[in-house]
Amino acid sequence: MPVTDGLAATALGVAASVLLLGACRGCSSSSPTGAEPLDGGSPGDVRVDRVIDSRPEADAQAEPSVDAAPDVLVDHEGVPPGWEAWTGWSAKCPVYVPGPDAELPPPIEWEPCPSFVPHASGCRVMKNTWGGNVAMFARFWREASSGKPLLAFARTRSSLDVVLVPFIIAEPDGIVRMAQIYPLSDSTKGCPYYPEDFNDGLYVVDAPARLETLADGGKADVEGAIGGPMTNMTPAVLATTLENSDWRLSKDWLVQLTLGKVNAWTWDGKTIENVYAGGTDPNGLQPHVPIVQGKDIFFTVGNLQLCGVMSWSPTAGLRPLLRWYSDFTRAAGNFGTDGKDMVWTQSQGTGACLNDGPNPEVWTAPYTTDPAVLQATAHRVRKDVRGMSAYSFAVGHGFAARSDSFGSPIANSLSIVRLSDGYAWTVAGDPDAKTHNFSVPFGLTEEEVYVFGSIQGMPMTIFRIRLDSLGPGTPPD
């Protein structure tokens, strides 16, 4: 896509920056580009190396030595008073955590959206109180015990020098619950940490590679996942791996997406499951970033010709939830769920897996992992605004929302659908992203939708838009 101005250039170019804090690092080259603490404490460290299948003995044979490479503490200027360096993953790339007397970052502040944003009267945008941006991708989770929504995000500043970037979990209108500080940079001299998921009160961060000596004497760059419950400011090492990976989690599983594979293991590390391997799929399709709901795992598979959705559960195993094997004219994607409703885009015709594919439709069904149950309960909601994309529907409280960066009628715009009757609303973005754009909706409450996007003066930020401000909507076709 041509870049026409600075705002659009920043919004697109930042995808290659370590300040993204959430890029899809384990996706294949064919990819379309909060419960409370467990048992009252942090999850135990899970040392997983080169996960190939569900045989734990394969991991033990190649277990790396943590102390293999020299690792000297690097101090960074500007660390707030009372914050302490956690070197559990790397002393060269410490994570700063608040000590007993440390002050947490200030709560989120919001301000009205400018008048050029449609439905501005019901729209607020995160106020830029730190002179920077909000990093992709923000995460949303609703705490069951309090009913409060929580946002996980990072406050970045674009710089070729190393800057200290706070990673924050906070109530939208309340206190900061958890905060850590990462030394990051737009250049290669920083420490590429990537906060990737926040779910069931747990978070996971992809840790930068470190050189280690393996049991056979060889050396290798080992990456890892750090994180734990949001009630513990200090992370734990959750996993190590020799593979470039994306991570997702729930209270039941830590899930890894790497090239061609999806792996899951329990928090105690005793059970490791190979959920999916592209080499064993009848069409050899690559998996994309998973969605984890408790013990269930969902993910799209596909390329530009064939695409669909798989489900996996411990009892039933892997199943083709929405697949038409070797049929180039039927497709499903953009799958999302809140654990109650499932929503996806379904298309039929030549080029069904393309973003501009024919006859895209919004479909929904009650939550299930069983393809037979889904087929019996699924129904069409309305025509969709675009075809397949790299992102999932955000689903919640009977609504589904998506955005799309490509083509009319909704370039950089937000589309919201009410599942009960198919009424829809479009909040227009600027097709050229000069004034504003809506990139990724990531959370819904009964009253609002939260959207990652950009606005003049802040190339990455978070919007919150009241659903009751959108008007009567457009009836289903």
Protein backbone atom coordinates (compact mmCIF):
# COMPACT_ATOMS: atom_id res chain seq x y z
CA MET A 1 0.00 0.00 0.00
CA PRO A 2 1.48 3.42 -0.90
CA VAL A 3 2.34 5.67 2.00
CA THR A 4 1.16 9.19 1.48
CA ASP A 5 2.09 11.08 4.62
CA GLY A 6 3.93 10.87 7.92
CA LEU A 7 1.04 9.56 9.96
CA ALA A 8 0.37 6.71 7.58
CA ALA A 9 4.09 6.01 7.27
CA THR A 10 4.44 5.73 11.02
CA ALA A 11 1.37 3.54 11.38
CA LEU A 12 2.68 1.14 8.73
CA GLY A 13 6.42 1.34 9.29
CA VAL A 14 6.17 0.67 13.01
CA ALA A 15 5.17 -2.91 12.16
CA ALA A 16 8.87 -3.65 11.67
CA SER A 17 9.91 -2.05 14.95
CA VAL A 18 10.57 -3.80 18.20
CA LEU A 19 8.33 -1.17 19.75
CA LEU A 20 5.39 -3.05 18.30
CA LEU A 21 5.48 -5.23 21.40
CA GLY A 22 3.26 -7.82 19.82
CA ALA A 23 4.14 -8.70 16.24
CA CYS A 24 3.25 -12.12 14.89
CA ARG A 25 6.72 -13.63 15.17
CA GLY A 26 5.87 -17.31 14.80
CA CYS A 27 3.52 -16.95 11.84
CA SER A 28 4.39 -18.64 8.61
CA SER A 29 5.45 -16.70 5.54
CA SER A 30 2.09 -17.52 4.02
CA SER A 31 0.20 -15.79 6.82
CA PRO A 32 -2.02 -12.88 5.92
CA THR A 33 0.03 -10.25 7.01
CA GLY A 34 -7.77 -12.81 33.96
CA ALA A 35 -8.58 -15.20 36.50
CA GLU A 36 -6.85 -14.70 39.81
CA PRO A 37 -3.38 -16.20 40.48
CA LEU A 38 -3.09 -19.93 40.02
CA ASP A 39 -3.14 -21.57 43.45
CA GLY A 40 -2.48 -18.18 45.00
CA GLY A 41 0.96 -17.77 43.44
CA SER A 42 2.89 -17.50 40.21
CA PRO A 43 3.03 -20.32 37.66
CA GLY A 44 6.03 -22.59 37.98
CA ASP A 45 8.82 -22.19 35.46
CA VAL A 46 8.35 -24.45 32.47
CA ARG A 47 11.56 -25.27 30.64
CA VAL A 48 10.57 -26.31 27.14
CA ASP A 49 13.19 -26.62 24.42
CA ARG A 50 12.54 -27.40 20.76
CA VAL A 51 9.01 -28.69 21.28
CA ILE A 52 8.51 -31.19 18.45
CA ASP A 53 5.74 -33.46 19.68
CA SER A 54 4.07 -34.50 22.91
CA ARG A 55 7.03 -36.58 24.11
CA PRO A 56 8.63 -34.79 27.08
CA GLU A 57 11.77 -36.94 26.78
CA ALA A 58 12.54 -35.15 23.50
CA ASP A 59 12.87 -31.92 25.46
CA ALA A 60 15.08 -33.31 28.20
CA GLN A 61 17.70 -34.49 25.71
CA ALA A 62 18.39 -30.97 24.48
CA GLU A 63 17.93 -29.02 27.71
CA PRO A 64 20.13 -25.90 27.55
CA SER A 65 22.23 -24.62 30.43
CA VAL A 66 20.96 -21.32 31.78
CA ASP A 67 24.43 -20.18 32.82
CA ALA A 68 26.14 -21.03 29.54
CA ALA A 69 26.71 -17.47 28.25
CA PRO A 70 28.22 -14.48 30.11
CA ASP A 71 25.47 -12.13 31.17
CA VAL A 72 26.46 -8.82 32.73
CA LEU A 73 23.91 -6.41 34.16
CA VAL A 74 23.36 -3.34 32.00
CA ASP A 75 22.09 -0.31 33.89
CA HIS A 76 19.75 2.05 32.06
CA GLU A 77 19.38 5.75 32.75
CA GLY A 78 16.00 7.06 33.78
CA VAL A 79 14.76 4.12 35.86
CA PRO A 80 12.27 5.61 38.36
CA PRO A 81 13.20 5.57 42.06
CA GLY A 82 12.35 2.33 43.82
CA TRP A 83 12.25 0.20 40.66
CA GLU A 84 14.47 -2.87 40.65
CA ALA A 85 16.14 -4.87 37.86
CA TRP A 86 14.81 -8.41 37.37
CA THR A 87 17.47 -10.46 35.64
CA GLY A 88 15.73 -13.83 35.68
CA TRP A 89 15.89 -13.97 31.89
CA SER A 90 18.79 -11.68 31.03
CA ALA A 91 21.04 -9.25 32.90
CA LYS A 92 21.91 -7.56 29.61
CA CYS A 93 18.20 -6.99 29.06
CA PRO A 94 16.75 -6.57 32.55
CA VAL A 95 13.07 -6.04 33.21
CA TYR A 96 12.44 -3.33 35.77
CA VAL A 97 9.78 -4.06 38.37
CA PRO A 98 8.43 -1.84 41.14
CA GLY A 99 9.91 -2.35 44.59
CA PRO A 100 8.00 -1.78 47.84
CA ASP A 101 8.39 2.02 47.73
CA ALA A 102 8.07 2.52 43.97
CA GLU A 103 5.33 4.58 42.36
CA LEU A 104 3.34 2.96 39.57
CA PRO A 105 2.65 4.84 36.34
CA PRO A 106 -0.33 7.19 36.57
CA PRO A 107 -3.81 5.94 35.65
CA ILE A 108 -5.14 6.23 32.11
CA GLU A 109 -6.57 9.59 31.14
CA TRP A 110 -9.09 10.02 28.32
CA GLU A 111 -10.14 13.02 26.26
CA PRO A 112 -12.94 13.62 23.74
CA CYS A 113 -12.21 12.60 20.16
CA PRO A 114 -11.73 15.50 17.73
CA SER A 115 -14.76 16.61 15.74
CA PHE A 116 -13.45 15.03 12.51
CA VAL A 117 -13.98 11.56 14.07
CA PRO A 118 -17.53 10.33 13.33
CA HIS A 119 -19.76 9.98 16.40
CA ALA A 120 -17.23 12.13 18.26
CA SER A 121 -19.74 12.85 21.01
CA GLY A 122 -19.60 9.19 22.05
CA CYS A 123 -15.88 8.72 21.41
CA ARG A 124 -12.90 9.17 23.69
CA VAL A 125 -9.22 8.64 22.96
CA MET A 126 -6.35 7.92 25.33
CA LYS A 127 -4.76 11.21 26.36
CA ASN A 128 -1.07 11.42 25.51
CA THR A 129 0.35 12.26 28.93
CA TRP A 130 3.78 10.71 28.27
CA GLY A 131 4.73 12.17 24.87
CA GLY A 132 4.61 8.99 22.84
CA ASN A 133 2.37 6.24 21.48
CA VAL A 134 0.51 3.13 22.53
CA ALA A 135 2.21 0.00 21.22
CA MET A 136 0.46 -2.70 19.19
CA PHE A 137 -1.21 -4.82 20.21
CA ALA A 138 -3.40 -3.83 23.15
CA ARG A 139 -5.26 -6.59 24.99
CA PHE A 140 -8.59 -6.70 26.83
CA TRP A 141 -9.84 -9.00 29.56
CA ARG A 142 -12.77 -8.75 31.95
CA GLU A 143 -12.13 -9.73 35.56
CA ALA A 144 -14.79 -12.19 36.71
CA SER A 145 -14.58 -11.36 40.41
CA SER A 146 -15.13 -7.60 40.00
CA GLY A 147 -16.71 -7.40 36.54
CA LYS A 148 -14.20 -4.68 35.65
CA PRO A 149 -12.61 -4.53 32.20
CA LEU A 150 -8.82 -4.38 32.14
CA LEU A 151 -6.50 -3.13 29.40
CA ALA A 152 -2.94 -4.32 28.79
CA PHE A 153 -0.79 -2.01 26.68
CA ALA A 154 2.59 -0.27 26.50
CA ARG A 155 3.43 3.44 26.43
CA THR A 156 6.21 3.87 23.89
CA ARG A 157 8.30 6.68 22.51
CA SER A 158 9.85 6.41 19.05
CA SER A 159 13.64 6.69 19.27
CA LEU A 160 16.72 5.04 17.79
CA ASP A 161 18.18 5.10 21.29
CA VAL A 162 17.09 2.74 24.04
CA VAL A 163 14.06 4.05 25.89
CA LEU A 164 12.32 2.67 28.95
CA VAL A 165 8.85 1.51 27.93
CA PRO A 166 6.22 0.84 30.61
CA PHE A 167 4.03 -2.23 30.08
CA ILE A 168 0.80 -1.60 31.97
CA ILE A 169 -2.33 -3.48 33.02
CA ALA A 170 -4.94 -0.99 34.18
CA GLU A 171 -8.61 -0.36 34.68
CA PRO A 172 -9.87 2.04 31.98
CA ASP A 173 -11.30 4.36 34.63
CA GLY A 174 -9.38 3.24 37.68
CA ILE A 175 -6.07 2.19 39.06
CA VAL A 176 -3.01 0.66 37.42
CA ARG A 177 -2.97 -2.98 38.52
CA MET A 178 0.45 -4.03 37.25
CA ALA A 179 3.43 -2.37 35.59
CA GLN A 180 6.88 -3.33 34.35
CA ILE A 181 9.48 -1.37 32.39
CA TYR A 182 11.35 -2.75 29.38
CA PRO A 183 14.48 -1.25 27.74
CA LEU A 184 13.49 -1.12 24.07
CA SER A 185 14.61 0.61 20.89
CA ASP A 186 13.71 1.16 17.24
CA SER A 187 17.20 -0.10 16.41
CA THR A 188 18.81 -3.50 16.91
CA LYS A 189 20.73 -2.37 20.00
CA GLY A 190 17.66 -2.62 22.21
CA CYS A 191 16.12 -5.63 23.89
CA PRO A 192 13.27 -6.98 21.76
CA TYR A 193 10.63 -7.95 24.31
CA TYR A 194 7.17 -8.51 22.84
CA PRO A 195 4.19 -8.54 25.23
CA GLU A 196 1.81 -10.87 23.41
CA ASP A 197 -1.23 -11.90 25.42
CA PHE A 198 -3.31 -11.10 28.49
CA ASN A 199 -6.08 -13.51 29.43
CA ASP A 200 -7.54 -15.06 32.59
CA GLY A 201 -5.50 -12.60 34.67
CA LEU A 202 -2.25 -13.93 33.18
CA TYR A 203 0.17 -12.27 30.77
CA VAL A 204 2.97 -13.55 28.55
CA VAL A 205 5.90 -11.70 26.99
CA ASP A 206 8.21 -13.07 24.29
CA ALA A 207 11.78 -12.66 25.56
CA PRO A 208 14.81 -11.81 23.40
CA ALA A 209 17.22 -14.49 22.26
CA ARG A 210 20.19 -15.33 24.45
CA LEU A 211 23.14 -17.54 23.55
CA GLU A 212 23.25 -20.77 25.51
CA THR A 213 25.28 -23.97 25.50
CA LEU A 214 23.20 -27.09 24.92
CA ALA A 215 23.73 -30.43 26.60
CA ASP A 216 25.63 -31.71 23.55
CA GLY A 217 28.11 -28.83 23.79
CA GLY A 218 26.75 -26.87 20.86
CA LYS A 219 25.61 -23.26 21.14
CA ALA A 220 22.27 -21.86 20.09
CA ASP A 221 20.16 -18.73 20.38
CA VAL A 222 17.39 -19.61 22.79
CA GLU A 223 14.24 -17.51 23.02
CA GLY A 224 11.71 -17.67 25.80
CA ALA A 225 8.41 -16.64 27.28
CA ILE A 226 8.19 -14.77 30.56
CA GLY A 227 5.11 -13.69 32.47
CA GLY A 228 2.65 -14.94 35.04
CA PRO A 229 -0.32 -13.61 37.02
CA MET A 230 -0.94 -9.88 36.94
CA THR A 231 -0.99 -9.87 40.76
CA ASN A 232 2.75 -10.54 40.76
CA MET A 233 4.83 -7.61 39.46
CA THR A 234 7.86 -9.87 38.99
CA PRO A 235 7.68 -12.21 35.98
CA ALA A 236 8.71 -15.84 35.88
CA VAL A 237 10.37 -17.76 33.06
CA LEU A 238 7.53 -19.76 31.52
CA ALA A 239 9.28 -21.49 28.64
CA THR A 240 12.45 -21.64 26.55
CA THR A 241 12.57 -22.59 22.91
CA LEU A 242 14.90 -22.71 19.91
CA GLU A 243 12.07 -21.57 17.63
CA ASN A 244 10.77 -18.13 16.75
CA SER A 245 7.36 -18.13 18.42
CA ASP A 246 4.13 -16.37 19.27
CA TRP A 247 2.52 -17.09 22.64
CA ARG A 248 -1.07 -17.21 23.85
CA LEU A 249 -2.41 -18.42 27.18
CA SER A 250 -5.28 -19.22 29.50
CA LYS A 251 -5.45 -20.49 33.04
CA ASP A 252 -5.15 -24.01 31.56
CA TRP A 253 -2.55 -23.75 28.79
CA LEU A 254 0.50 -21.90 27.60
CA VAL A 255 0.21 -22.09 23.81
CA GLN A 256 3.04 -21.66 21.30
CA LEU A 257 2.67 -20.89 17.61
CA THR A 258 5.79 -21.54 15.59
CA LEU A 259 6.38 -22.27 11.94
CA GLY A 260 3.83 -24.88 10.95
CA LYS A 261 2.97 -25.99 14.50
CA VAL A 262 0.79 -25.22 17.50
CA ASN A 263 1.97 -26.63 20.84
CA ALA A 264 0.37 -26.41 24.29
CA TRP A 265 1.52 -27.39 27.71
CA THR A 266 0.13 -27.17 31.22
CA TRP A 267 1.50 -24.71 33.72
CA ASP A 268 3.22 -27.45 35.70
CA GLY A 269 5.06 -28.53 32.55
CA LYS A 270 4.04 -32.16 32.96
CA THR A 271 1.76 -32.32 29.92
CA ILE A 272 2.90 -31.18 26.49
CA GLU A 273 0.55 -31.45 23.54
CA ASN A 274 1.27 -31.08 19.85
CA VAL A 275 -2.06 -29.49 18.91
CA TYR A 276 -1.41 -29.11 15.18
CA ALA A 277 1.32 -29.74 12.62
CA GLY A 278 0.90 -28.39 9.12
CA GLY A 279 2.80 -31.34 7.69
CA THR A 280 0.04 -33.72 8.77
CA ASP A 281 -2.83 -31.59 7.46
CA PRO A 282 -4.44 -33.02 4.28
CA ASN A 283 -3.84 -29.67 2.54
CA GLY A 284 -0.60 -28.84 4.37
CA LEU A 285 -2.01 -25.52 5.62
CA GLN A 286 -0.07 -23.33 8.05
CA PRO A 287 -1.65 -22.31 11.37
CA HIS A 288 -2.11 -18.73 12.47
CA VAL A 289 -2.28 -17.12 15.91
CA PRO A 290 -4.46 -19.20 18.27
CA ILE A 291 -7.38 -18.12 20.45
CA VAL A 292 -7.40 -19.88 23.83
CA GLN A 293 -10.61 -20.28 25.83
CA GLY A 294 -9.95 -22.25 28.99
CA LYS A 295 -8.98 -25.75 27.85
CA ASP A 296 -10.08 -25.13 24.23
CA ILE A 297 -7.85 -23.83 21.43
CA PHE A 298 -9.02 -22.36 18.10
CA PHE A 299 -6.93 -21.16 15.16
CA THR A 300 -7.31 -20.39 11.49
CA VAL A 301 -5.26 -22.28 8.93
CA GLY A 302 -4.65 -21.32 5.36
CA ASN A 303 -3.03 -19.44 2.56
CA LEU A 304 -4.45 -17.31 -0.24
CA GLN A 305 -6.21 -20.29 -1.82
CA LEU A 306 -7.49 -22.48 1.00
CA CYS A 307 -8.48 -21.37 4.50
CA GLY A 308 -10.58 -22.48 7.42
CA VAL A 309 -10.79 -22.85 11.20
CA MET A 310 -9.64 -25.70 13.47
CA SER A 311 -10.61 -26.49 17.06
CA TRP A 312 -8.83 -28.57 19.68
CA SER A 313 -9.79 -29.76 23.15
CA PRO A 314 -8.12 -32.25 25.50
CA THR A 315 -11.05 -34.68 25.26
CA ALA A 316 -11.85 -34.53 21.53
CA GLY A 317 -8.45 -33.55 20.14
CA LEU A 318 -8.04 -31.75 16.81
CA ARG A 319 -11.14 -31.24 14.66
CA PRO A 320 -11.96 -29.27 11.48
CA LEU A 321 -14.42 -26.74 12.86
CA LEU A 322 -14.88 -24.89 9.57
CA ARG A 323 -13.02 -26.65 6.76
CA TRP A 324 -13.75 -27.55 3.15
CA TYR A 325 -10.72 -29.65 2.24
CA SER A 326 -9.31 -28.98 -1.23
CA ASP A 327 -12.29 -26.77 -2.09
CA PHE A 328 -10.92 -23.48 -3.44
CA THR A 329 -14.38 -21.89 -3.55
CA ARG A 330 -15.37 -22.04 0.14
CA ALA A 331 -13.58 -20.30 3.00
CA ALA A 332 -13.84 -19.18 6.61
CA GLY A 333 -11.66 -16.76 8.55
CA ASN A 334 -11.53 -13.77 10.91
CA PHE A 335 -12.74 -16.20 13.60
CA GLY A 336 -13.35 -14.77 17.06
CA THR A 337 -15.12 -15.83 20.24
CA ASP A 338 -15.78 -14.61 23.77
CA GLY A 339 -16.60 -18.10 25.05
CA LYS A 340 -20.33 -17.55 24.49
CA ASP A 341 -20.70 -16.59 20.83
CA MET A 342 -18.49 -17.49 17.88
CA VAL A 343 -18.26 -15.17 14.86
CA TRP A 344 -16.47 -15.54 11.55
CA THR A 345 -16.42 -14.43 7.93
CA GLN A 346 -17.59 -17.01 5.41
CA SER A 347 -17.15 -16.68 1.66
CA GLN A 348 -18.03 -18.73 -1.40
CA GLY A 349 -16.71 -18.38 -4.93
CA THR A 350 -13.42 -18.01 -6.76
CA GLY A 351 -10.84 -16.33 -4.52
CA ALA A 352 -12.83 -17.03 -1.36
CA CYS A 353 -9.75 -16.66 0.89
CA LEU A 354 -8.82 -13.19 -0.38
CA ASN A 355 -9.47 -9.89 1.34
CA ASP A 356 -11.50 -8.80 -1.68
CA GLY A 357 -12.99 -12.26 -2.17
CA PRO A 358 -16.57 -12.78 -3.33
CA ASN A 359 -19.71 -12.72 -1.20
CA PRO A 360 -18.20 -12.33 2.29
CA GLU A 361 -20.80 -12.93 5.01
CA VAL A 362 -20.84 -12.65 8.80
CA TRP A 363 -21.81 -15.93 10.43
CA THR A 364 -22.32 -16.84 14.09
CA ALA A 365 -23.02 -19.84 16.31
CA PRO A 366 -23.13 -20.57 20.02
CA TYR A 367 -19.79 -21.59 21.51
CA THR A 368 -18.68 -25.12 20.71
CA THR A 369 -15.61 -27.09 19.62
CA ASP A 370 -17.74 -29.72 17.86
CA PRO A 371 -18.07 -29.29 14.07
CA ALA A 372 -21.38 -31.19 14.00
CA VAL A 373 -22.91 -28.96 16.67
CA LEU A 374 -21.66 -25.86 14.86
CA GLN A 375 -23.17 -26.98 11.56
CA ALA A 376 -26.51 -27.50 13.30
CA THR A 377 -26.52 -24.12 15.06
CA ALA A 378 -24.63 -21.74 12.73
CA HIS A 379 -26.52 -19.07 10.83
CA ARG A 380 -25.79 -16.14 8.57
CA VAL A 381 -26.03 -12.72 10.21
CA ARG A 382 -25.54 -10.36 7.27
CA LYS A 383 -23.18 -9.46 4.43
CA ASP A 384 -19.67 -8.64 5.67
CA VAL A 385 -17.87 -5.43 4.77
CA ARG A 386 -14.72 -7.20 3.49
CA GLY A 387 -13.27 -10.67 3.09
CA MET A 388 -10.49 -12.43 4.97
CA SER A 389 -7.90 -10.50 6.96
CA ALA A 390 -5.07 -11.08 9.41
CA TYR A 391 -7.26 -10.27 12.42
CA SER A 392 -10.09 -11.87 14.35
CA PHE A 393 -13.48 -10.42 15.15
CA ALA A 394 -13.63 -8.90 18.62
CA VAL A 395 -16.68 -10.52 20.22
CA GLY A 396 -18.57 -9.62 23.36
CA HIS A 397 -22.03 -9.08 24.83
CA GLY A 398 -23.86 -9.96 21.64
CA PHE A 399 -21.76 -7.74 19.36
CA ALA A 400 -18.85 -8.36 17.00
CA ALA A 401 -16.43 -5.77 15.63
CA ARG A 402 -13.73 -5.74 12.96
CA SER A 403 -11.61 -3.29 11.00
CA ASP A 404 -9.81 -3.54 7.70
CA SER A 405 -6.95 -1.54 6.23
CA PHE A 406 -7.66 -2.46 2.62
CA GLY A 407 -10.14 -1.07 0.12
CA SER A 408 -13.60 0.38 0.19
CA PRO A 409 -16.06 0.58 1.71
CA ILE A 410 -14.32 0.56 5.09
CA ALA A 411 -10.63 1.31 4.64
CA ASN A 412 -9.32 2.10 8.14
CA SER A 413 -12.89 2.09 9.42
CA LEU A 414 -14.66 0.21 12.20
CA SER A 415 -17.55 -2.18 11.56
CA ILE A 416 -19.83 -3.35 14.39
CA VAL A 417 -22.56 -6.00 14.09
CA ARG A 418 -25.31 -6.91 16.55
CA LEU A 419 -25.61 -10.67 16.42
CA SER A 420 -29.23 -10.94 17.55
CA ASP A 421 -30.73 -9.12 14.55
CA GLY A 422 -27.89 -8.36 12.12
CA TYR A 423 -28.01 -4.58 12.47
CA ALA A 424 -24.65 -3.00 11.74
CA TRP A 425 -22.78 0.28 12.16
CA THR A 426 -19.73 1.65 10.39
CA VAL A 427 -17.57 4.30 12.05
CA ALA A 428 -15.64 5.78 9.15
CA GLY A 429 -11.88 6.16 9.26
CA ASP A 430 -9.72 8.24 6.97
CA PRO A 431 -8.83 5.99 3.99
CA ASP A 432 -5.43 7.69 3.79
CA ALA A 433 -4.93 7.60 7.59
CA LYS A 434 -4.11 11.31 7.60
CA THR A 435 -6.50 12.28 10.40
CA HIS A 436 -7.45 8.98 12.05
CA ASN A 437 -7.83 5.28 11.48
CA PHE A 438 -9.33 2.34 13.33
CA SER A 439 -6.92 -0.59 13.06
CA VAL A 440 -7.91 -3.37 15.46
CA PRO A 441 -10.95 -3.56 17.76
CA PHE A 442 -9.86 -5.64 20.73
CA GLY A 443 -12.55 -5.50 23.41
CA LEU A 444 -16.27 -5.02 23.99
CA THR A 445 -18.32 -4.28 27.07
CA GLU A 446 -22.08 -3.80 27.29
CA GLU A 447 -21.55 -0.09 26.66
CA GLU A 448 -18.34 0.38 24.65
CA VAL A 449 -15.96 -0.96 22.05
CA TYR A 450 -12.19 -0.52 22.49
CA VAL A 451 -10.18 0.00 19.31
CA PHE A 452 -6.48 0.33 18.59
CA GLY A 453 -5.79 2.98 15.94
CA SER A 454 -4.20 6.33 15.22
CA ILE A 455 -5.08 9.99 15.32
CA GLN A 456 -3.32 13.18 14.28
CA GLY A 457 -0.43 13.77 16.66
CA MET A 458 -0.49 10.20 18.00
CA PRO A 459 0.21 7.49 15.38
CA MET A 460 -0.75 4.71 17.82
CA THR A 461 -3.45 5.04 20.45
CA ILE A 462 -6.63 3.52 21.89
CA PHE A 463 -10.19 4.69 21.25
CA ARG A 464 -13.26 3.85 23.28
CA ILE A 465 -16.63 4.39 21.56
CA ARG A 466 -20.05 4.19 23.18
CA LEU A 467 -22.36 1.80 21.38
CA ASP A 468 -25.44 3.91 22.17
CA SER A 469 -23.90 6.86 20.31
CA LEU A 470 -23.92 5.10 16.94
CA GLY A 471 -27.53 5.64 15.99
CA PRO A 472 -30.15 3.17 14.76
CA GLY A 473 -27.80 1.22 12.48
CA THR A 474 -28.25 -0.43 9.10
CA PRO A 475 -30.65 -3.40 8.90
CA PRO A 476 -29.33 -6.71 7.57
CA ASP A 477 -29.39 -7.29 3.84
